[in-house]
C-alpha atoms as a PDB file:
ATOM      1  CA  MET A   1      -4.298  19.498  25.626  1.00  0.00           C
ATOM      2  CA  GLU A   2      -1.392  18.898  23.866  1.00  0.00           C
ATOM      3  CA  LEU A   3      -1.729  15.071  24.884  1.00  0.00           C
ATOM      4  CA  ILE A   4      -4.728  14.939  22.464  1.00  0.00           C
ATOM      5  CA  ILE A   5      -3.076  15.973  19.817  1.00  0.00           C
ATOM      6  CA  VAL A   6      -0.766  13.631  19.800  1.00  0.00           C
ATOM      7  CA  ILE A   7      -3.368  10.609  20.193  1.00  0.00           C
ATOM      8  CA  SER A   8      -5.471  11.913  17.574  1.00  0.00           C
ATOM      9  CA  ASN A   9      -2.816  11.908  14.942  1.00  0.00           C
ATOM     10  CA  PHE A  10      -0.590   8.797  16.327  1.00  0.00           C
ATOM     11  CA  THR A  11      -5.042   7.361  15.772  1.00  0.00           C
ATOM     12  CA  TYR A  12      -4.631   8.686  12.281  1.00  0.00           C
ATOM     13  CA  ALA A  13      -1.200   7.107  11.490  1.00  0.00           C
ATOM     14  CA  ILE A  14      -2.459   3.571  12.784  1.00  0.00           C
ATOM     15  CA  LEU A  15      -5.888   3.907  10.773  1.00  0.00           C
ATOM     16  CA  GLY A  16      -3.798   5.531   7.862  1.00  0.00           C
ATOM     17  CA  ALA A  17      -1.003   2.323   7.906  1.00  0.00           C
ATOM     18  CA  LEU A  18      -3.930   0.403   8.107  1.00  0.00           C
ATOM     19  CA  LEU A  19      -5.936   1.611   4.918  1.00  0.00           C
ATOM     20  CA  THR A  20      -2.255   1.689   3.033  1.00  0.00           C
ATOM     21  CA  ILE A  21      -2.213  -1.721   3.669  1.00  0.00           C
ATOM     22  CA  LEU A  22      -5.959  -2.617   2.498  1.00  0.00           C
ATOM     23  CA  PHE A  23      -5.013  -0.532  -1.007  1.00  0.00           C
ATOM     24  CA  MET A  24      -1.904  -2.292  -1.284  1.00  0.00           C
ATOM     25  CA  VAL A  25      -3.718  -5.979  -1.018  1.00  0.00           C
ATOM     26  CA  LEU A  26      -6.546  -4.602  -3.712  1.00  0.00           C
ATOM     27  CA  GLY A  27      -3.934  -3.271  -5.997  1.00  0.00           C
ATOM     28  CA  TYR A  28      -2.391  -6.682  -5.866  1.00  0.00           C
ATOM     29  CA  LYS A  29      -5.772  -8.602  -6.022  1.00  0.00           C
ATOM     30  CA  VAL A  30      -6.749  -5.607  -9.602  1.00  0.00           C
ATOM     31  CA  LEU A  31      -3.326  -6.692 -10.738  1.00  0.00           C
ATOM     32  CA  ASP A  32      -3.468 -10.424 -10.488  1.00  0.00           C
ATOM     33  CA  TRP A  33      -7.336 -10.128 -12.209  1.00  0.00           C
ATOM     34  CA  ILE A  34      -6.515  -7.951 -15.044  1.00  0.00           C
ATOM     35  CA  THR A  35      -3.300  -9.688 -16.549  1.00  0.00           C
ATOM     36  CA  PRO A  36      -3.183 -13.237 -18.542  1.00  0.00           C
ATOM     37  CA  PHE A  37      -1.531 -15.122 -16.004  1.00  0.00           C
ATOM     38  CA  ASP A  38      -1.463 -15.765 -12.368  1.00  0.00           C
ATOM     39  CA  THR A  39       0.558 -12.953 -10.739  1.00  0.00           C
ATOM     40  CA  SER A  40       1.113 -15.093  -7.594  1.00  0.00           C
ATOM     41  CA  LYS A  41       2.648 -18.488  -9.427  1.00  0.00           C
ATOM     42  CA  GLN A  42       4.939 -16.311 -11.225  1.00  0.00           C
ATOM     43  CA  LEU A  43       6.407 -14.756  -8.915  1.00  0.00           C
ATOM     44  CA  GLY A  44       6.571 -18.352  -7.234  1.00  0.00           C
ATOM     45  CA  GLU A  45       8.610 -18.998  -9.975  1.00  0.00           C
ATOM     46  CA  GLY A  46      11.008 -16.610  -9.394  1.00  0.00           C
ATOM     47  CA  ASN A  47       9.785 -13.829 -12.668  1.00  0.00           C
ATOM     48  CA  VAL A  48      11.260 -11.024 -12.253  1.00  0.00           C
ATOM     49  CA  ALA A  49       9.460  -9.009 -14.706  1.00  0.00           C
ATOM     50  CA  VAL A  50       6.488  -9.588 -12.236  1.00  0.00           C
ATOM     51  CA  GLY A  51       8.199  -9.009  -9.493  1.00  0.00           C
ATOM     52  CA  LEU A  52       9.460  -5.238 -10.733  1.00  0.00           C
ATOM     53  CA  VAL A  53       6.125  -4.692 -11.554  1.00  0.00           C
ATOM     54  CA  VAL A  54       4.773  -6.105  -8.440  1.00  0.00           C
ATOM     55  CA  GLY A  55       6.964  -4.145  -5.999  1.00  0.00           C
ATOM     56  CA  ALA A  56       6.856  -0.532  -8.658  1.00  0.00           C
ATOM     57  CA  MET A  57       2.848  -0.991  -7.715  1.00  0.00           C
ATOM     58  CA  PHE A  58       3.556  -1.314  -4.223  1.00  0.00           C
ATOM     59  CA  VAL A  59       6.347   1.722  -3.833  1.00  0.00           C
ATOM     60  CA  GLY A  60       3.087   3.990  -5.635  1.00  0.00           C
ATOM     61  CA  LEU A  61       0.279   3.068  -3.984  1.00  0.00           C
ATOM     62  CA  GLY A  62       2.493   4.123  -0.106  1.00  0.00           C
ATOM     63  CA  ILE A  63       3.913   6.775  -1.686  1.00  0.00           C
ATOM     64  CA  ALA A  64       0.557   8.450  -2.822  1.00  0.00           C
ATOM     65  CA  VAL A  65      -1.484   7.322   0.494  1.00  0.00           C
ATOM     66  CA  GLY A  66       1.687   7.889   2.247  1.00  0.00           C
ATOM     67  CA  LEU A  67       1.199  11.736   1.321  1.00  0.00           C
ATOM     68  CA  VAL A  68      -2.107  11.973   2.168  1.00  0.00           C
ATOM     69  CA  VAL A  69      -1.565  10.343   6.148  1.00  0.00           C
ATOM     70  CA  GLY A  70       1.392  12.792   6.390  1.00  0.00           C
ATOM     71  CA  LEU A  71      -0.371  15.663   4.899  1.00  0.00           C
ATOM     72  CA  GLY A  72      -3.309  15.003   7.439  1.00  0.00           C
ATOM     73  CA  LEU A  73      -1.034  15.058  10.098  1.00  0.00           C
ATOM     74  CA  ASN A  74      -0.018  18.622   9.906  1.00  0.00           C
END
């Protein structure tokens, strides 16, 4: 019975990680859509301000989805 719990928790964690990556990609696309400039181009040119905003967005989404996954494992 304990092996089933471990396998289900592992599956839930993998699905949560995939969901986190999906939300990060969607969040980046929304950020790129709402800004008046090309985010990828600005990152390629070394714009530190855009890099900080994108990094902060990824950290925020990672924390939020990570908490959901972590609480679901208990």
